[in-house]
Amino acid sequence: MCSLCGVLGGNEHWTDAAPRPGVYTRNADGVARRRERANRVRIANRALRPFRLTLSDWQGNAFLLSTLTGKTEIVEDLAHLWMAAERLTGAPCDPLSPAVLDALDAADG
């Protein structure tokens, strides 16, 4: 699927709050869903910081993952985040490695 079709298709990922029958979400209104999405981006950026990557929301349908030099890739959902991170950095990106966890602990103070 091309990037444009992915954006227009409105695919939903399990990490996205979506009010529909049979699915519980406390964020039934659009503002709450956008706030929750922004919070997920903020948390993902903390985990991406040791890899010198940043994530931003793209129209509420996808994410933009960027390097410090501006190299950018569209990420359909958070499940594809680390694969895209490895493509952009050209190196393995393990958010659970001891070095990354130590960097996150140090950033928290």
C-alpha atoms as a PDB file:
ATOM      1  CA  MET A   1       0.000   0.000   0.000  1.00  0.00           C
ATOM      2  CA  CYS A   2       1.362   3.438  -0.850  1.00  0.00           C
ATOM      3  CA  SER A   3       1.665   6.127   1.799  1.00  0.00           C
ATOM      4  CA  LEU A   4      -1.208   8.181   0.417  1.00  0.00           C
ATOM      5  CA  CYS A   5      -3.617   5.228   0.356  1.00  0.00           C
ATOM      6  CA  GLY A   6      -2.633   4.430   3.931  1.00  0.00           C
ATOM      7  CA  VAL A   7      -3.531   7.938   5.018  1.00  0.00           C
ATOM      8  CA  LEU A   8      -6.836   8.070   3.171  1.00  0.00           C
ATOM      9  CA  GLY A   9      -7.831   4.538   4.113  1.00  0.00           C
ATOM     10  CA  GLY A  10      -8.403   5.449   7.738  1.00  0.00           C
ATOM     11  CA  ASN A  11      -7.012   2.204   9.060  1.00  0.00           C
ATOM     12  CA  GLU A  12      -7.258   1.802  12.791  1.00  0.00           C
ATOM     13  CA  HIS A  13      -4.666   0.207  14.988  1.00  0.00           C
ATOM     14  CA  TRP A  14      -5.404  -1.334  18.350  1.00  0.00           C
ATOM     15  CA  THR A  15      -3.348   1.370  20.041  1.00  0.00           C
ATOM     16  CA  ASP A  16      -5.709   4.048  18.736  1.00  0.00           C
ATOM     17  CA  ALA A  17      -8.775   4.726  20.829  1.00  0.00           C
ATOM     18  CA  ALA A  18     -11.817   4.290  18.640  1.00  0.00           C
ATOM     19  CA  PRO A  19     -15.402   4.352  19.841  1.00  0.00           C
ATOM     20  CA  ARG A  20     -17.237   1.435  18.261  1.00  0.00           C
ATOM     21  CA  PRO A  21     -19.530  -1.299  19.482  1.00  0.00           C
ATOM     22  CA  GLY A  22     -17.804  -3.921  21.571  1.00  0.00           C
ATOM     23  CA  VAL A  23     -14.735  -1.788  22.244  1.00  0.00           C
ATOM     24  CA  TYR A  24     -14.320  -0.016  25.537  1.00  0.00           C
ATOM     25  CA  THR A  25     -12.656   3.367  25.454  1.00  0.00           C
ATOM     26  CA  ARG A  26     -12.826   6.150  27.954  1.00  0.00           C
ATOM     27  CA  ASN A  27     -11.968   8.571  25.143  1.00  0.00           C
ATOM     28  CA  ALA A  28     -15.153   8.560  23.133  1.00  0.00           C
ATOM     29  CA  ASP A  29     -14.929  12.142  21.953  1.00  0.00           C
ATOM     30  CA  GLY A  30     -12.489  13.437  19.358  1.00  0.00           C
ATOM     31  CA  VAL A  31     -10.673  15.850  21.643  1.00  0.00           C
ATOM     32  CA  ALA A  32      -9.904  13.126  24.180  1.00  0.00           C
ATOM     33  CA  ARG A  33      -8.669  10.777  21.425  1.00  0.00           C
ATOM     34  CA  ARG A  34      -6.349  13.479  20.039  1.00  0.00           C
ATOM     35  CA  ARG A  35      -5.078  14.196  23.551  1.00  0.00           C
ATOM     36  CA  GLU A  36      -4.382  10.497  24.101  1.00  0.00           C
ATOM     37  CA  ARG A  37      -2.592  10.288  20.734  1.00  0.00           C
ATOM     38  CA  ALA A  38      -0.462  13.328  21.630  1.00  0.00           C
ATOM     39  CA  ASN A  39       0.415  11.663  24.920  1.00  0.00           C
ATOM     40  CA  ARG A  40       1.518   8.502  23.097  1.00  0.00           C
ATOM     41  CA  VAL A  41       3.737  10.628  20.831  1.00  0.00           C
ATOM     42  CA  ARG A  42       5.253  12.349  23.872  1.00  0.00           C
ATOM     43  CA  ILE A  43       6.066   9.003  25.516  1.00  0.00           C
ATOM     44  CA  ALA A  44       7.440   7.563  22.260  1.00  0.00           C
ATOM     45  CA  ASN A  45       9.709  10.588  21.893  1.00  0.00           C
ATOM     46  CA  ARG A  46      11.197   9.871  25.315  1.00  0.00           C
ATOM     47  CA  ALA A  47      12.050   6.336  24.182  1.00  0.00           C
ATOM     48  CA  LEU A  48      13.366   7.588  20.819  1.00  0.00           C
ATOM     49  CA  ARG A  49      15.600  10.319  22.277  1.00  0.00           C
ATOM     50  CA  PRO A  50      18.619   7.994  22.838  1.00  0.00           C
ATOM     51  CA  PHE A  51      18.454   7.127  19.125  1.00  0.00           C
ATOM     52  CA  ARG A  52      18.285  10.826  18.148  1.00  0.00           C
ATOM     53  CA  LEU A  53      14.903  10.365  16.506  1.00  0.00           C
ATOM     54  CA  THR A  54      11.671  12.286  16.902  1.00  0.00           C
ATOM     55  CA  LEU A  55       8.095  11.279  16.268  1.00  0.00           C
ATOM     56  CA  SER A  56       5.228  13.582  15.383  1.00  0.00           C
ATOM     57  CA  ASP A  57       1.582  13.047  14.615  1.00  0.00           C
ATOM     58  CA  TRP A  58       0.602  13.377  10.973  1.00  0.00           C
ATOM     59  CA  GLN A  59      -3.013  14.415  10.584  1.00  0.00           C
ATOM     60  CA  GLY A  60      -4.146  11.927  13.231  1.00  0.00           C
ATOM     61  CA  ASN A  61      -3.749   9.071  10.748  1.00  0.00           C
ATOM     62  CA  ALA A  62      -0.045   8.271  10.791  1.00  0.00           C
ATOM     63  CA  PHE A  63       3.198   9.386  12.354  1.00  0.00           C
ATOM     64  CA  LEU A  64       6.348  11.026  10.998  1.00  0.00           C
ATOM     65  CA  LEU A  65       9.599   9.619  12.321  1.00  0.00           C
ATOM     66  CA  SER A  66      12.586  11.897  11.701  1.00  0.00           C
ATOM     67  CA  THR A  67      16.303  11.975  12.297  1.00  0.00           C
ATOM     68  CA  LEU A  68      18.135  15.093  13.425  1.00  0.00           C
ATOM     69  CA  THR A  69      19.251  15.643   9.812  1.00  0.00           C
ATOM     70  CA  GLY A  70      15.666  15.666   8.550  1.00  0.00           C
ATOM     71  CA  LYS A  71      15.524  12.186   7.086  1.00  0.00           C
ATOM     72  CA  THR A  72      11.870  11.254   7.584  1.00  0.00           C
ATOM     73  CA  GLU A  73       9.695   8.197   7.207  1.00  0.00           C
ATOM     74  CA  ILE A  74       5.921   7.829   7.508  1.00  0.00           C
ATOM     75  CA  VAL A  75       4.981   5.297  10.175  1.00  0.00           C
ATOM     76  CA  GLU A  76       1.500   3.854   9.845  1.00  0.00           C
ATOM     77  CA  ASP A  77       1.137   2.942  13.516  1.00  0.00           C
ATOM     78  CA  LEU A  78       3.260   2.442  16.601  1.00  0.00           C
ATOM     79  CA  ALA A  79       3.717  -1.258  15.841  1.00  0.00           C
ATOM     80  CA  HIS A  80       5.950  -0.230  12.929  1.00  0.00           C
ATOM     81  CA  LEU A  81       7.900   2.398  14.890  1.00  0.00           C
ATOM     82  CA  TRP A  82      11.025   0.423  15.749  1.00  0.00           C
ATOM     83  CA  MET A  83      11.359  -1.143  12.305  1.00  0.00           C
ATOM     84  CA  ALA A  84      11.284   2.346  10.790  1.00  0.00           C
ATOM     85  CA  ALA A  85      13.746   3.567  13.419  1.00  0.00           C
ATOM     86  CA  GLU A  86      16.197   0.867  12.400  1.00  0.00           C
ATOM     87  CA  ARG A  87      15.818   1.747   8.714  1.00  0.00           C
ATOM     88  CA  LEU A  88      16.436   5.438   9.412  1.00  0.00           C
ATOM     89  CA  THR A  89      19.404   4.950  11.713  1.00  0.00           C
ATOM     90  CA  GLY A  90      20.869   1.970   9.860  1.00  0.00           C
ATOM     91  CA  ALA A  91      21.447   0.265  13.199  1.00  0.00           C
ATOM     92  CA  PRO A  92      19.506  -1.948  15.583  1.00  0.00           C
ATOM     93  CA  CYS A  93      17.224   0.038  17.912  1.00  0.00           C
ATOM     94  CA  ASP A  94      16.374  -1.866  21.058  1.00  0.00           C
ATOM     95  CA  PRO A  95      14.335   0.326  23.413  1.00  0.00           C
ATOM     96  CA  LEU A  96      14.763  -2.258  26.170  1.00  0.00           C
ATOM     97  CA  SER A  97      18.560  -2.448  26.039  1.00  0.00           C
ATOM     98  CA  PRO A  98      20.253  -1.637  29.365  1.00  0.00           C
ATOM     99  CA  ALA A  99      22.025   1.373  27.833  1.00  0.00           C
ATOM    100  CA  VAL A 100      18.739   2.899  26.666  1.00  0.00           C
ATOM    101  CA  LEU A 101      16.985   2.186  29.955  1.00  0.00           C
ATOM    102  CA  ASP A 102      19.899   3.774  31.847  1.00  0.00           C
ATOM    103  CA  ALA A 103      19.682   6.856  29.585  1.00  0.00           C
ATOM    104  CA  LEU A 104      15.945   7.118  30.280  1.00  0.00           C
ATOM    105  CA  ASP A 105      16.536   6.780  34.030  1.00  0.00           C
ATOM    106  CA  ALA A 106      19.238   9.451  33.886  1.00  0.00           C
ATOM    107  CA  ALA A 107      16.915  11.793  31.977  1.00  0.00           C
ATOM    108  CA  ASP A 108      14.309  11.373  34.707  1.00  0.00           C
ATOM    109  CA  GLY A 109      16.853  12.484  37.270  1.00  0.00           C
END
